[in-house]
Amino acid sequence: TISVAAGTPWRELSAILAAEGQMLALDPPCAESATVGGVVASNCSGPRRRLFGTARDMVIGMTLATLDGHLVETGGMVVKNVAGLDTQKALIGSFGTLAAMAAVNFRLAPVPEASRTFLIGCRSAEECAAARDRILTSVLQPAALDALNPAAVKLCGLDSIGLHDFVLAVGAGASAAVLARYGRELAGAQALEGQREQAFWTMIREFACVWVNGFPMRAVVRVGHPLRALADVLNSAPGACVARAGNGVSYLAFDSPPALGEWMLATAAMEWTRVVEWSGDEVRAAVELWPDCGGDFSVMERLKLLFDPQRRLNAGRLYGRL
């Protein structure tokens, strides 16, 4: 476990942990410029969410500063701590609307002995979903399981190695013997190792922020959906789509507010949650970022009033709603 100041650059923390053979497998986007507090406050995660979970699975304690000038400690420094309330989980994903993080305690995982990524080419979204299902019901337990539609395949440069349609990317970290088993189970898939593998997952991790940064009309929507809806989400995307195929979270890229609006209307009846998580300035002014916040929002409002009754902290920062 480790306790780290919230203002610590994420890249600095990653380097310190790597030197000790440890890691925090959150894979947040903008990792080169993000801070620990920023990653936790926005609840960012990446491809290895499939095996390691999100910040709520890794944060075991926190020191937070309240508006009345108190430093409050919640959780602890041991993984199975059961003392007190799990207050830190309320702050994860709150975008600083409840309190200010001063320090965050994490549980760590060891860096695997080796890693390898297998790229499975598929002719259709349905074939991609079926390949995902076979892996989820097999003996394999990959760290990452991402699906890419043809536009995302091209955006990530996989057309240069002969992949043009849908691709299921299977990332594994384990011993040489286990990786050899992956190779046998996924016979026919293209394997990436070393710098090629690292470059691929960097493109996947940075997909949303690279698409939006510097483009005021662009947006990326985070879609939460049942696992069975993977093919429908991939087929619905008018542009690039990168999906956490083993988690039911997908990211769809849009090049303009009209395209985004049309997709929102076309999928309004689906049992999906939709949030415009990344967007340019013009999109934020024209589109409702969180169109359907669900019935749980009343609980969030009560939490806001409990922590910040005068609504002074980051008003409107949580997608314009809190």
C-alpha atoms as a PDB file:
ATOM      1  CA  THR A   1       0.000   0.000   0.000  1.00  0.00           C
ATOM      2  CA  ILE A   2       1.051   3.618  -0.382  1.00  0.00           C
ATOM      3  CA  SER A   3      -0.156   7.052   0.731  1.00  0.00           C
ATOM      4  CA  VAL A   4       0.553   9.907  -1.663  1.00  0.00           C
ATOM      5  CA  ALA A   5      -0.201  13.638  -1.761  1.00  0.00           C
ATOM      6  CA  ALA A   6      -3.114  14.415  -4.070  1.00  0.00           C
ATOM      7  CA  GLY A   7      -1.083  16.950  -6.050  1.00  0.00           C
ATOM      8  CA  THR A   8       1.574  14.405  -7.040  1.00  0.00           C
ATOM      9  CA  PRO A   9       1.910  14.030 -10.826  1.00  0.00           C
ATOM     10  CA  TRP A  10       0.608  10.626 -11.922  1.00  0.00           C
ATOM     11  CA  ARG A  11       3.700   9.967 -14.038  1.00  0.00           C
ATOM     12  CA  GLU A  12       5.912  10.576 -10.991  1.00  0.00           C
ATOM     13  CA  LEU A  13       3.936   8.118  -8.869  1.00  0.00           C
ATOM     14  CA  SER A  14       4.044   5.516 -11.662  1.00  0.00           C
ATOM     15  CA  ALA A  15       7.821   5.825 -11.933  1.00  0.00           C
ATOM     16  CA  ILE A  16       8.297   5.460  -8.163  1.00  0.00           C
ATOM     17  CA  LEU A  17       6.139   2.340  -8.075  1.00  0.00           C
ATOM     18  CA  ALA A  18       7.762   0.780 -11.147  1.00  0.00           C
ATOM     19  CA  ALA A  19      11.180   1.082  -9.518  1.00  0.00           C
ATOM     20  CA  GLU A  20       9.816  -1.094  -6.691  1.00  0.00           C
ATOM     21  CA  GLY A  21       8.160  -3.623  -9.003  1.00  0.00           C
ATOM     22  CA  GLN A  22       4.668  -2.318  -8.134  1.00  0.00           C
ATOM     23  CA  MET A  23       1.897  -0.604 -10.099  1.00  0.00           C
ATOM     24  CA  LEU A  24      -1.477   1.148  -9.977  1.00  0.00           C
ATOM     25  CA  ALA A  25      -3.292  -0.332 -12.950  1.00  0.00           C
ATOM     26  CA  LEU A  26      -5.761   2.516 -13.512  1.00  0.00           C
ATOM     27  CA  ASP A  27      -4.344   3.512 -16.929  1.00  0.00           C
ATOM     28  CA  PRO A  28      -5.867   7.016 -16.743  1.00  0.00           C
ATOM     29  CA  PRO A  29      -5.978   9.147 -19.899  1.00  0.00           C
ATOM     30  CA  CYS A  30      -3.735  12.229 -19.940  1.00  0.00           C
ATOM     31  CA  ALA A  31      -1.382  10.307 -17.643  1.00  0.00           C
ATOM     32  CA  GLU A  32       1.552  12.556 -18.515  1.00  0.00           C
ATOM     33  CA  SER A  33      -0.167  15.675 -17.187  1.00  0.00           C
ATOM     34  CA  ALA A  34      -2.665  14.331 -14.644  1.00  0.00           C
ATOM     35  CA  THR A  35      -2.309  14.497 -10.869  1.00  0.00           C
ATOM     36  CA  VAL A  36      -3.249  11.767  -8.421  1.00  0.00           C
ATOM     37  CA  GLY A  37      -6.120  13.879  -7.071  1.00  0.00           C
ATOM     38  CA  GLY A  38      -7.359  14.669 -10.567  1.00  0.00           C
ATOM     39  CA  VAL A  39      -7.440  10.997 -11.557  1.00  0.00           C
ATOM     40  CA  VAL A  40      -9.338  10.027  -8.408  1.00  0.00           C
ATOM     41  CA  ALA A  41     -11.719  13.034  -8.480  1.00  0.00           C
ATOM     42  CA  SER A  42     -12.715  12.242 -12.068  1.00  0.00           C
ATOM     43  CA  ASN A  43     -12.715   8.462 -11.464  1.00  0.00           C
ATOM     44  CA  CYS A  44     -10.671   7.855 -14.605  1.00  0.00           C
ATOM     45  CA  SER A  45      -9.709   4.335 -15.596  1.00  0.00           C
ATOM     46  CA  GLY A  46      -8.421   2.589 -18.677  1.00  0.00           C
ATOM     47  CA  PRO A  47      -8.076  -0.787 -20.427  1.00  0.00           C
ATOM     48  CA  ARG A  48      -6.965  -2.791 -17.377  1.00  0.00           C
ATOM     49  CA  ARG A  49     -10.274  -2.012 -15.659  1.00  0.00           C
ATOM     50  CA  ARG A  50     -11.283  -5.508 -16.814  1.00  0.00           C
ATOM     51  CA  LEU A  51      -9.057  -7.187 -14.202  1.00  0.00           C
ATOM     52  CA  PHE A  52      -8.135  -4.526 -11.656  1.00  0.00           C
ATOM     53  CA  GLY A  53     -11.276  -2.385 -11.462  1.00  0.00           C
ATOM     54  CA  THR A  54     -11.532   1.380 -10.977  1.00  0.00           C
ATOM     55  CA  ALA A  55     -10.304   3.841  -8.370  1.00  0.00           C
ATOM     56  CA  ARG A  56     -13.056   2.698  -6.013  1.00  0.00           C
ATOM     57  CA  ASP A  57     -11.385  -0.715  -5.978  1.00  0.00           C
ATOM     58  CA  MET A  58      -7.888   0.648  -5.326  1.00  0.00           C
ATOM     59  CA  VAL A  59      -8.405   3.573  -2.932  1.00  0.00           C
ATOM     60  CA  ILE A  60      -8.405   2.311   0.670  1.00  0.00           C
ATOM     61  CA  GLY A  61      -8.214   5.632   2.475  1.00  0.00           C
ATOM     62  CA  MET A  62      -8.032   9.385   2.075  1.00  0.00           C
ATOM     63  CA  THR A  63      -7.271  12.635   3.864  1.00  0.00           C
ATOM     64  CA  LEU A  64      -9.682  15.374   2.851  1.00  0.00           C
ATOM     65  CA  ALA A  65     -10.055  19.057   3.683  1.00  0.00           C
ATOM     66  CA  THR A  66     -13.541  20.344   4.465  1.00  0.00           C
ATOM     67  CA  LEU A  67     -14.882  23.854   3.984  1.00  0.00           C
ATOM     68  CA  ASP A  68     -14.868  24.486   7.734  1.00  0.00           C
ATOM     69  CA  GLY A  69     -11.082  24.029   7.841  1.00  0.00           C
ATOM     70  CA  HIS A  70     -10.840  20.479   9.171  1.00  0.00           C
ATOM     71  CA  LEU A  71      -8.619  17.677   7.883  1.00  0.00           C
ATOM     72  CA  VAL A  72     -10.570  14.426   7.974  1.00  0.00           C
ATOM     73  CA  GLU A  73      -9.058  10.961   7.630  1.00  0.00           C
ATOM     74  CA  THR A  74     -11.208   8.200   6.211  1.00  0.00           C
ATOM     75  CA  GLY A  75     -10.345   4.565   5.571  1.00  0.00           C
ATOM     76  CA  GLY A  76      -6.817   3.492   6.401  1.00  0.00           C
ATOM     77  CA  MET A  77      -3.597   1.913   5.132  1.00  0.00           C
ATOM     78  CA  VAL A  78      -4.613  -1.759   5.190  1.00  0.00           C
ATOM     79  CA  VAL A  79      -6.654  -3.475   2.487  1.00  0.00           C
ATOM     80  CA  LYS A  80      -9.193  -5.085   4.827  1.00  0.00           C
ATOM     81  CA  ASN A  81      -9.774  -2.053   7.018  1.00  0.00           C
ATOM     82  CA  VAL A  82     -13.308  -2.045   8.463  1.00  0.00           C
ATOM     83  CA  ALA A  83     -13.148   0.932  10.822  1.00  0.00           C
ATOM     84  CA  GLY A  84     -15.535   3.821  10.205  1.00  0.00           C
ATOM     85  CA  LEU A  85     -17.410   4.855   7.089  1.00  0.00           C
ATOM     86  CA  ASP A  86     -16.158   4.419   3.523  1.00  0.00           C
ATOM     87  CA  THR A  87     -16.395   8.183   3.024  1.00  0.00           C
ATOM     88  CA  GLN A  88     -13.589   8.235   0.452  1.00  0.00           C
ATOM     89  CA  LYS A  89     -15.794   6.406  -2.057  1.00  0.00           C
ATOM     90  CA  ALA A  90     -18.190   9.377  -2.116  1.00  0.00           C
ATOM     91  CA  LEU A  91     -15.345  11.656  -3.220  1.00  0.00           C
ATOM     92  CA  ILE A  92     -14.169   9.374  -6.017  1.00  0.00           C
ATOM     93  CA  GLY A  93     -15.759  10.759  -9.186  1.00  0.00           C
ATOM     94  CA  SER A  94     -17.168  13.842  -7.419  1.00  0.00           C
ATOM     95  CA  PHE A  95     -15.003  16.305  -9.430  1.00  0.00           C
ATOM     96  CA  GLY A  96     -14.130  18.229  -6.274  1.00  0.00           C
ATOM     97  CA  THR A  97     -17.736  19.179  -5.542  1.00  0.00           C
ATOM     98  CA  LEU A  98     -17.729  17.701  -2.000  1.00  0.00           C
ATOM     99  CA  ALA A  99     -14.312  18.380  -0.436  1.00  0.00           C
ATOM    100  CA  ALA A 100     -10.648  18.837  -1.348  1.00  0.00           C
ATOM    101  CA  MET A 101      -8.404  15.768  -1.391  1.00  0.00           C
ATOM    102  CA  ALA A 102      -5.123  16.198   0.478  1.00  0.00           C
ATOM    103  CA  ALA A 103      -3.775  12.627   0.321  1.00  0.00           C
ATOM    104  CA  VAL A 104      -4.914   9.312  -1.112  1.00  0.00           C
ATOM    105  CA  ASN A 105      -4.087   5.778   0.090  1.00  0.00           C
ATOM    106  CA  PHE A 106      -3.925   3.012  -2.512  1.00  0.00           C
ATOM    107  CA  ARG A 107      -3.538  -0.733  -2.535  1.00  0.00           C
ATOM    108  CA  LEU A 108      -0.957  -1.805  -5.098  1.00  0.00           C
ATOM    109  CA  ALA A 109      -0.389  -4.775  -7.387  1.00  0.00           C
ATOM    110  CA  PRO A 110       2.903  -6.327  -8.512  1.00  0.00           C
ATOM    111  CA  VAL A 111       4.144  -5.652 -12.035  1.00  0.00           C
ATOM    112  CA  PRO A 112       3.653  -8.883 -14.032  1.00  0.00           C
ATOM    113  CA  GLU A 113       6.655 -10.884 -15.167  1.00  0.00           C
ATOM    114  CA  ALA A 114       5.832 -10.258 -18.831  1.00  0.00           C
ATOM    115  CA  SER A 115       2.984  -9.025 -21.018  1.00  0.00           C
ATOM    116  CA  ARG A 116       1.587  -9.687 -24.468  1.00  0.00           C
ATOM    117  CA  THR A 117      -1.387  -8.456 -26.482  1.00  0.00           C
ATOM    118  CA  PHE A 118      -3.350 -10.523 -28.976  1.00  0.00           C
ATOM    119  CA  LEU A 119      -5.351  -8.819 -31.749  1.00  0.00           C
ATOM    120  CA  ILE A 120      -8.278 -10.834 -33.096  1.00  0.00           C
ATOM    121  CA  GLY A 121      -9.667  -9.604 -36.417  1.00  0.00           C
ATOM    122  CA  CYS A 122     -13.451  -9.894 -36.837  1.00  0.00           C
ATOM    123  CA  ARG A 123     -15.689  -9.263 -39.834  1.00  0.00           C
ATOM    124  CA  SER A 124     -18.591  -7.823 -37.843  1.00  0.00           C
ATOM    125  CA  ALA A 125     -19.531  -6.416 -34.448  1.00  0.00           C
ATOM    126  CA  GLU A 126     -21.503  -9.581 -33.746  1.00  0.00           C
ATOM    127  CA  GLU A 127     -18.441 -11.730 -34.463  1.00  0.00           C
ATOM    128  CA  CYS A 128     -16.404  -9.469 -32.170  1.00  0.00           C
ATOM    129  CA  ALA A 129     -18.947  -9.884 -29.352  1.00  0.00           C
ATOM    130  CA  ALA A 130     -18.971 -13.657 -29.849  1.00  0.00           C
ATOM    131  CA  ALA A 131     -15.170 -13.775 -29.593  1.00  0.00           C
ATOM    132  CA  ARG A 132     -15.439 -11.741 -26.385  1.00  0.00           C
ATOM    133  CA  ASP A 133     -17.981 -14.202 -24.981  1.00  0.00           C
ATOM    134  CA  ARG A 134     -15.715 -17.173 -25.709  1.00  0.00           C
ATOM    135  CA  ILE A 135     -12.863 -15.542 -23.814  1.00  0.00           C
ATOM    136  CA  LEU A 136     -15.012 -14.543 -20.832  1.00  0.00           C
ATOM    137  CA  THR A 137     -16.253 -18.125 -20.472  1.00  0.00           C
ATOM    138  CA  SER A 138     -12.807 -19.688 -20.959  1.00  0.00           C
ATOM    139  CA  VAL A 139      -9.941 -20.308 -18.531  1.00  0.00           C
ATOM    140  CA  LEU A 140      -8.266 -17.069 -19.649  1.00  0.00           C
ATOM    141  CA  GLN A 141      -8.354 -14.028 -17.366  1.00  0.00           C
ATOM    142  CA  PRO A 142      -6.954 -11.133 -19.444  1.00  0.00           C
ATOM    143  CA  ALA A 143      -6.085  -7.816 -17.850  1.00  0.00           C
ATOM    144  CA  ALA A 144      -7.611  -5.906 -20.780  1.00  0.00           C
ATOM    145  CA  LEU A 145     -10.308  -6.834 -23.275  1.00  0.00           C
ATOM    146  CA  ASP A 146     -11.114  -3.984 -25.670  1.00  0.00           C
ATOM    147  CA  ALA A 147     -13.175  -3.949 -28.855  1.00  0.00           C
ATOM    148  CA  LEU A 148     -12.540  -1.491 -31.694  1.00  0.00           C
ATOM    149  CA  ASN A 149     -14.826  -0.681 -34.620  1.00  0.00           C
ATOM    150  CA  PRO A 150     -13.318  -0.084 -38.096  1.00  0.00           C
ATOM    151  CA  ALA A 151     -12.958   3.693 -37.576  1.00  0.00           C
ATOM    152  CA  ALA A 152     -11.053   3.109 -34.322  1.00  0.00           C
ATOM    153  CA  VAL A 153      -8.927   0.415 -35.970  1.00  0.00           C
ATOM    154  CA  LYS A 154      -7.839   2.948 -38.573  1.00  0.00           C
ATOM    155  CA  LEU A 155      -7.367   5.710 -35.989  1.00  0.00           C
ATOM    156  CA  CYS A 156      -5.018   3.434 -34.013  1.00  0.00           C
ATOM    157  CA  GLY A 157      -3.015   2.553 -37.132  1.00  0.00           C
ATOM    158  CA  LEU A 158      -3.872  -1.149 -37.116  1.00  0.00           C
ATOM    159  CA  ASP A 159      -4.617  -1.021 -40.840  1.00  0.00           C
ATOM    160  CA  SER A 160      -0.843  -0.943 -41.306  1.00  0.00           C
ATOM    161  CA  ILE A 161      -0.666  -4.551 -40.058  1.00  0.00           C
ATOM    162  CA  GLY A 162      -3.562  -5.791 -42.157  1.00  0.00           C
ATOM    163  CA  LEU A 163      -6.486  -5.251 -39.776  1.00  0.00           C
ATOM    164  CA  HIS A 164      -9.363  -3.256 -41.232  1.00  0.00           C
ATOM    165  CA  ASP A 165     -12.687  -4.378 -39.761  1.00  0.00           C
ATOM    166  CA  PHE A 166     -13.492  -4.958 -36.084  1.00  0.00           C
ATOM    167  CA  VAL A 167     -10.728  -5.954 -33.668  1.00  0.00           C
ATOM    168  CA  LEU A 168     -10.813  -7.526 -30.209  1.00  0.00           C
ATOM    169  CA  ALA A 169      -7.646  -6.703 -28.274  1.00  0.00           C
ATOM    170  CA  VAL A 170      -6.718  -9.130 -25.486  1.00  0.00           C
ATOM    171  CA  GLY A 171      -4.019  -7.867 -23.113  1.00  0.00           C
ATOM    172  CA  ALA A 172      -2.401 -10.294 -20.671  1.00  0.00           C
ATOM    173  CA  GLY A 173       0.315  -9.960 -18.044  1.00  0.00           C
ATOM    174  CA  ALA A 174       1.682 -13.151 -16.530  1.00  0.00           C
ATOM    175  CA  SER A 175       4.521 -15.675 -16.592  1.00  0.00           C
ATOM    176  CA  ALA A 176       5.987 -16.974 -19.845  1.00  0.00           C
ATOM    177  CA  ALA A 177       4.098 -20.257 -19.424  1.00  0.00           C
ATOM    178  CA  VAL A 178       0.751 -18.523 -19.014  1.00  0.00           C
ATOM    179  CA  LEU A 179       1.384 -16.259 -22.012  1.00  0.00           C
ATOM    180  CA  ALA A 180       2.230 -19.349 -24.051  1.00  0.00           C
ATOM    181  CA  ARG A 181      -1.179 -20.739 -23.055  1.00  0.00           C
ATOM    182  CA  TYR A 182      -2.793 -17.523 -24.322  1.00  0.00           C
ATOM    183  CA  GLY A 183      -0.988 -18.025 -27.620  1.00  0.00           C
ATOM    184  CA  ARG A 184      -2.376 -21.553 -27.960  1.00  0.00           C
ATOM    185  CA  GLU A 185      -5.912 -20.574 -26.960  1.00  0.00           C
ATOM    186  CA  LEU A 186      -5.914 -17.559 -29.298  1.00  0.00           C
ATOM    187  CA  ALA A 187      -4.215 -19.224 -32.249  1.00  0.00           C
ATOM    188  CA  GLY A 188      -4.410 -17.065 -35.357  1.00  0.00           C
ATOM    189  CA  ALA A 189      -4.415 -13.750 -33.492  1.00  0.00           C
ATOM    190  CA  GLN A 190      -1.652 -11.222 -34.125  1.00  0.00           C
ATOM    191  CA  ALA A 191       0.625 -10.813 -31.102  1.00  0.00           C
ATOM    192  CA  LEU A 192       2.168  -7.536 -29.929  1.00  0.00           C
ATOM    193  CA  GLU A 193       5.067  -7.300 -27.511  1.00  0.00           C
ATOM    194  CA  GLY A 194       7.521  -4.721 -26.222  1.00  0.00           C
ATOM    195  CA  GLN A 195       7.325  -1.208 -27.635  1.00  0.00           C
ATOM    196  CA  ARG A 196       4.657  -2.107 -30.201  1.00  0.00           C
ATOM    197  CA  GLU A 197       2.391  -3.376 -27.428  1.00  0.00           C
ATOM    198  CA  GLN A 198       3.068  -0.340 -25.241  1.00  0.00           C
ATOM    199  CA  ALA A 199       2.399   2.055 -28.141  1.00  0.00           C
ATOM    200  CA  PHE A 200      -0.895   0.325 -28.921  1.00  0.00           C
ATOM    201  CA  TRP A 201      -2.253   0.585 -25.376  1.00  0.00           C
ATOM    202  CA  THR A 202      -1.077   4.187 -25.116  1.00  0.00           C
ATOM    203  CA  MET A 203      -3.217   5.005 -28.167  1.00  0.00           C
ATOM    204  CA  ILE A 204      -6.177   3.214 -26.608  1.00  0.00           C
ATOM    205  CA  ARG A 205      -5.688   4.939 -23.251  1.00  0.00           C
ATOM    206  CA  GLU A 206      -5.378   8.396 -24.802  1.00  0.00           C
ATOM    207  CA  PHE A 207      -8.142   7.871 -27.364  1.00  0.00           C
ATOM    208  CA  ALA A 208     -10.615  10.362 -25.890  1.00  0.00           C
ATOM    209  CA  CYS A 209      -8.304  13.214 -24.963  1.00  0.00           C
ATOM    210  CA  VAL A 210      -6.381  13.024 -28.265  1.00  0.00           C
ATOM    211  CA  TRP A 211      -9.663  13.138 -30.193  1.00  0.00           C
ATOM    212  CA  VAL A 212     -10.927  16.220 -28.365  1.00  0.00           C
ATOM    213  CA  ASN A 213      -7.843  18.288 -27.482  1.00  0.00           C
ATOM    214  CA  GLY A 214      -7.595  21.291 -29.804  1.00  0.00           C
ATOM    215  CA  PHE A 215     -10.927  20.568 -31.540  1.00  0.00           C
ATOM    216  CA  PRO A 216     -13.789  22.666 -30.066  1.00  0.00           C
ATOM    217  CA  MET A 217     -16.492  20.833 -32.052  1.00  0.00           C
ATOM    218  CA  ARG A 218     -15.526  17.296 -31.062  1.00  0.00           C
ATOM    219  CA  ALA A 219     -16.817  15.121 -28.239  1.00  0.00           C
ATOM    220  CA  VAL A 220     -16.452  11.652 -26.731  1.00  0.00           C
ATOM    221  CA  VAL A 221     -19.428  10.000 -25.039  1.00  0.00           C
ATOM    222  CA  ARG A 222     -19.002   7.367 -22.340  1.00  0.00           C
ATOM    223  CA  VAL A 223     -21.732   4.745 -22.668  1.00  0.00           C
ATOM    224  CA  GLY A 224     -22.589   2.268 -19.932  1.00  0.00           C
ATOM    225  CA  HIS A 225     -24.425  -0.792 -21.241  1.00  0.00           C
ATOM    226  CA  PRO A 226     -25.088  -4.491 -20.577  1.00  0.00           C
ATOM    227  CA  LEU A 227     -22.391  -6.825 -21.884  1.00  0.00           C
ATOM    228  CA  ARG A 228     -24.902  -8.316 -24.304  1.00  0.00           C
ATOM    229  CA  ALA A 229     -25.297  -4.892 -25.988  1.00  0.00           C
ATOM    230  CA  LEU A 230     -21.669  -4.647 -27.151  1.00  0.00           C
ATOM    231  CA  ALA A 231     -22.462  -5.317 -30.820  1.00  0.00           C
ATOM    232  CA  ASP A 232     -25.350  -2.820 -30.796  1.00  0.00           C
ATOM    233  CA  VAL A 233     -23.143  -0.081 -29.328  1.00  0.00           C
ATOM    234  CA  LEU A 234     -20.353  -0.755 -31.848  1.00  0.00           C
ATOM    235  CA  ASN A 235     -22.807  -0.697 -34.746  1.00  0.00           C
ATOM    236  CA  SER A 236     -24.477   2.496 -33.519  1.00  0.00           C
ATOM    237  CA  ALA A 237     -21.263   4.549 -33.577  1.00  0.00           C
ATOM    238  CA  PRO A 238     -21.052   6.956 -36.545  1.00  0.00           C
ATOM    239  CA  GLY A 239     -17.329   7.379 -35.872  1.00  0.00           C
ATOM    240  CA  ALA A 240     -14.612   5.689 -33.871  1.00  0.00           C
ATOM    241  CA  CYS A 241     -15.614   3.521 -30.908  1.00  0.00           C
ATOM    242  CA  VAL A 242     -13.370   1.898 -28.311  1.00  0.00           C
ATOM    243  CA  ALA A 243     -15.179  -0.424 -25.894  1.00  0.00           C
ATOM    244  CA  ARG A 244     -14.136  -2.017 -22.613  1.00  0.00           C
ATOM    245  CA  ALA A 245     -15.664  -5.240 -23.918  1.00  0.00           C
ATOM    246  CA  GLY A 246     -15.437  -7.071 -20.610  1.00  0.00           C
ATOM    247  CA  ASN A 247     -16.933  -4.252 -18.527  1.00  0.00           C
ATOM    248  CA  GLY A 248     -19.824  -2.771 -20.515  1.00  0.00           C
ATOM    249  CA  VAL A 249     -18.252   0.678 -20.916  1.00  0.00           C
ATOM    250  CA  SER A 250     -17.722   2.148 -24.385  1.00  0.00           C
ATOM    251  CA  TYR A 251     -16.323   5.432 -25.705  1.00  0.00           C
ATOM    252  CA  LEU A 252     -17.772   6.902 -28.899  1.00  0.00           C
ATOM    253  CA  ALA A 253     -16.155   9.783 -30.809  1.00  0.00           C
ATOM    254  CA  PHE A 254     -18.189  12.518 -32.535  1.00  0.00           C
ATOM    255  CA  ASP A 255     -16.875  15.264 -34.810  1.00  0.00           C
ATOM    256  CA  SER A 256     -19.697  17.798 -34.310  1.00  0.00           C
ATOM    257  CA  PRO A 257     -22.638  18.670 -32.019  1.00  0.00           C
ATOM    258  CA  PRO A 258     -25.214  17.774 -34.735  1.00  0.00           C
ATOM    259  CA  ALA A 259     -23.742  14.292 -35.130  1.00  0.00           C
ATOM    260  CA  LEU A 260     -23.776  13.874 -31.364  1.00  0.00           C
ATOM    261  CA  GLY A 261     -27.377  15.107 -31.118  1.00  0.00           C
ATOM    262  CA  GLU A 262     -28.567  12.731 -33.842  1.00  0.00           C
ATOM    263  CA  TRP A 263     -26.946   9.768 -32.092  1.00  0.00           C
ATOM    264  CA  MET A 264     -28.453  10.765 -28.738  1.00  0.00           C
ATOM    265  CA  LEU A 265     -31.935  10.840 -30.291  1.00  0.00           C
ATOM    266  CA  ALA A 266     -31.437   7.567 -32.173  1.00  0.00           C
ATOM    267  CA  THR A 267     -30.362   5.710 -29.025  1.00  0.00           C
ATOM    268  CA  ALA A 268     -32.689   7.387 -26.510  1.00  0.00           C
ATOM    269  CA  ALA A 269     -34.775   4.240 -26.095  1.00  0.00           C
ATOM    270  CA  MET A 270     -31.771   2.005 -25.381  1.00  0.00           C
ATOM    271  CA  GLU A 271     -31.025   0.806 -21.837  1.00  0.00           C
ATOM    272  CA  TRP A 272     -27.709   2.640 -21.883  1.00  0.00           C
ATOM    273  CA  THR A 273     -26.328   5.417 -19.708  1.00  0.00           C
ATOM    274  CA  ARG A 274     -24.723   8.240 -21.688  1.00  0.00           C
ATOM    275  CA  VAL A 275     -22.419  11.029 -20.538  1.00  0.00           C
ATOM    276  CA  VAL A 276     -20.462  13.461 -22.707  1.00  0.00           C
ATOM    277  CA  GLU A 277     -17.228  12.870 -20.820  1.00  0.00           C
ATOM    278  CA  TRP A 278     -14.827  14.731 -23.135  1.00  0.00           C
ATOM    279  CA  SER A 279     -15.770  17.710 -25.284  1.00  0.00           C
ATOM    280  CA  GLY A 280     -14.611  20.953 -26.852  1.00  0.00           C
ATOM    281  CA  ASP A 281     -15.872  24.355 -25.718  1.00  0.00           C
ATOM    282  CA  GLU A 282     -18.535  24.649 -28.424  1.00  0.00           C
ATOM    283  CA  VAL A 283     -19.996  21.244 -27.567  1.00  0.00           C
ATOM    284  CA  ARG A 284     -20.312  22.136 -23.881  1.00  0.00           C
ATOM    285  CA  ALA A 285     -22.258  25.248 -24.819  1.00  0.00           C
ATOM    286  CA  ALA A 286     -24.644  23.434 -27.162  1.00  0.00           C
ATOM    287  CA  VAL A 287     -25.285  19.982 -25.687  1.00  0.00           C
ATOM    288  CA  GLU A 288     -26.562  18.670 -22.366  1.00  0.00           C
ATOM    289  CA  LEU A 289     -23.596  16.679 -21.105  1.00  0.00           C
ATOM    290  CA  TRP A 290     -25.548  14.299 -18.875  1.00  0.00           C
ATOM    291  CA  PRO A 291     -28.995  13.999 -20.498  1.00  0.00           C
ATOM    292  CA  ASP A 292     -30.420  11.302 -18.216  1.00  0.00           C
ATOM    293  CA  CYS A 293     -28.905  11.215 -14.735  1.00  0.00           C
ATOM    294  CA  GLY A 294     -31.263   8.556 -13.375  1.00  0.00           C
ATOM    295  CA  GLY A 295     -33.181   8.259 -10.134  1.00  0.00           C
ATOM    296  CA  ASP A 296     -30.065   8.104  -7.955  1.00  0.00           C
ATOM    297  CA  PHE A 297     -29.319  11.768  -8.555  1.00  0.00           C
ATOM    298  CA  SER A 298     -31.400  12.798  -5.561  1.00  0.00           C
ATOM    299  CA  VAL A 299     -28.934  10.896  -3.338  1.00  0.00           C
ATOM    300  CA  MET A 300     -26.063  12.818  -4.940  1.00  0.00           C
ATOM    301  CA  GLU A 301     -27.814  16.110  -4.245  1.00  0.00           C
ATOM    302  CA  ARG A 302     -28.276  15.202  -0.584  1.00  0.00           C
ATOM    303  CA  LEU A 303     -24.581  14.278  -0.330  1.00  0.00           C
ATOM    304  CA  LYS A 304     -23.665  17.623  -1.860  1.00  0.00           C
ATOM    305  CA  LEU A 305     -25.710  19.491   0.753  1.00  0.00           C
ATOM    306  CA  LEU A 306     -24.212  17.375   3.533  1.00  0.00           C
ATOM    307  CA  PHE A 307     -20.620  18.164   2.532  1.00  0.00           C
ATOM    308  CA  ASP A 308     -21.132  21.633   1.056  1.00  0.00           C
ATOM    309  CA  PRO A 309     -24.453  23.157   2.210  1.00  0.00           C
ATOM    310  CA  GLN A 310     -23.615  26.580   0.718  1.00  0.00           C
ATOM    311  CA  ARG A 311     -22.646  25.063  -2.662  1.00  0.00           C
ATOM    312  CA  ARG A 312     -19.260  26.781  -2.807  1.00  0.00           C
ATOM    313  CA  LEU A 313     -17.154  23.938  -4.224  1.00  0.00           C
ATOM    314  CA  ASN A 314     -16.851  23.634  -8.016  1.00  0.00           C
ATOM    315  CA  ALA A 315     -20.439  24.660  -8.739  1.00  0.00           C
ATOM    316  CA  GLY A 316     -21.631  23.077 -11.984  1.00  0.00           C
ATOM    317  CA  ARG A 317     -18.434  21.078 -12.467  1.00  0.00           C
ATOM    318  CA  LEU A 318     -20.205  17.713 -12.390  1.00  0.00           C
ATOM    319  CA  TYR A 319     -21.579  17.878 -15.943  1.00  0.00           C
ATOM    320  CA  GLY A 320     -23.454  21.078 -15.083  1.00  0.00           C
ATOM    321  CA  ARG A 321     -25.642  19.353 -12.500  1.00  0.00           C
ATOM    322  CA  LEU A 322     -23.815  19.805  -9.156  1.00  0.00           C
END
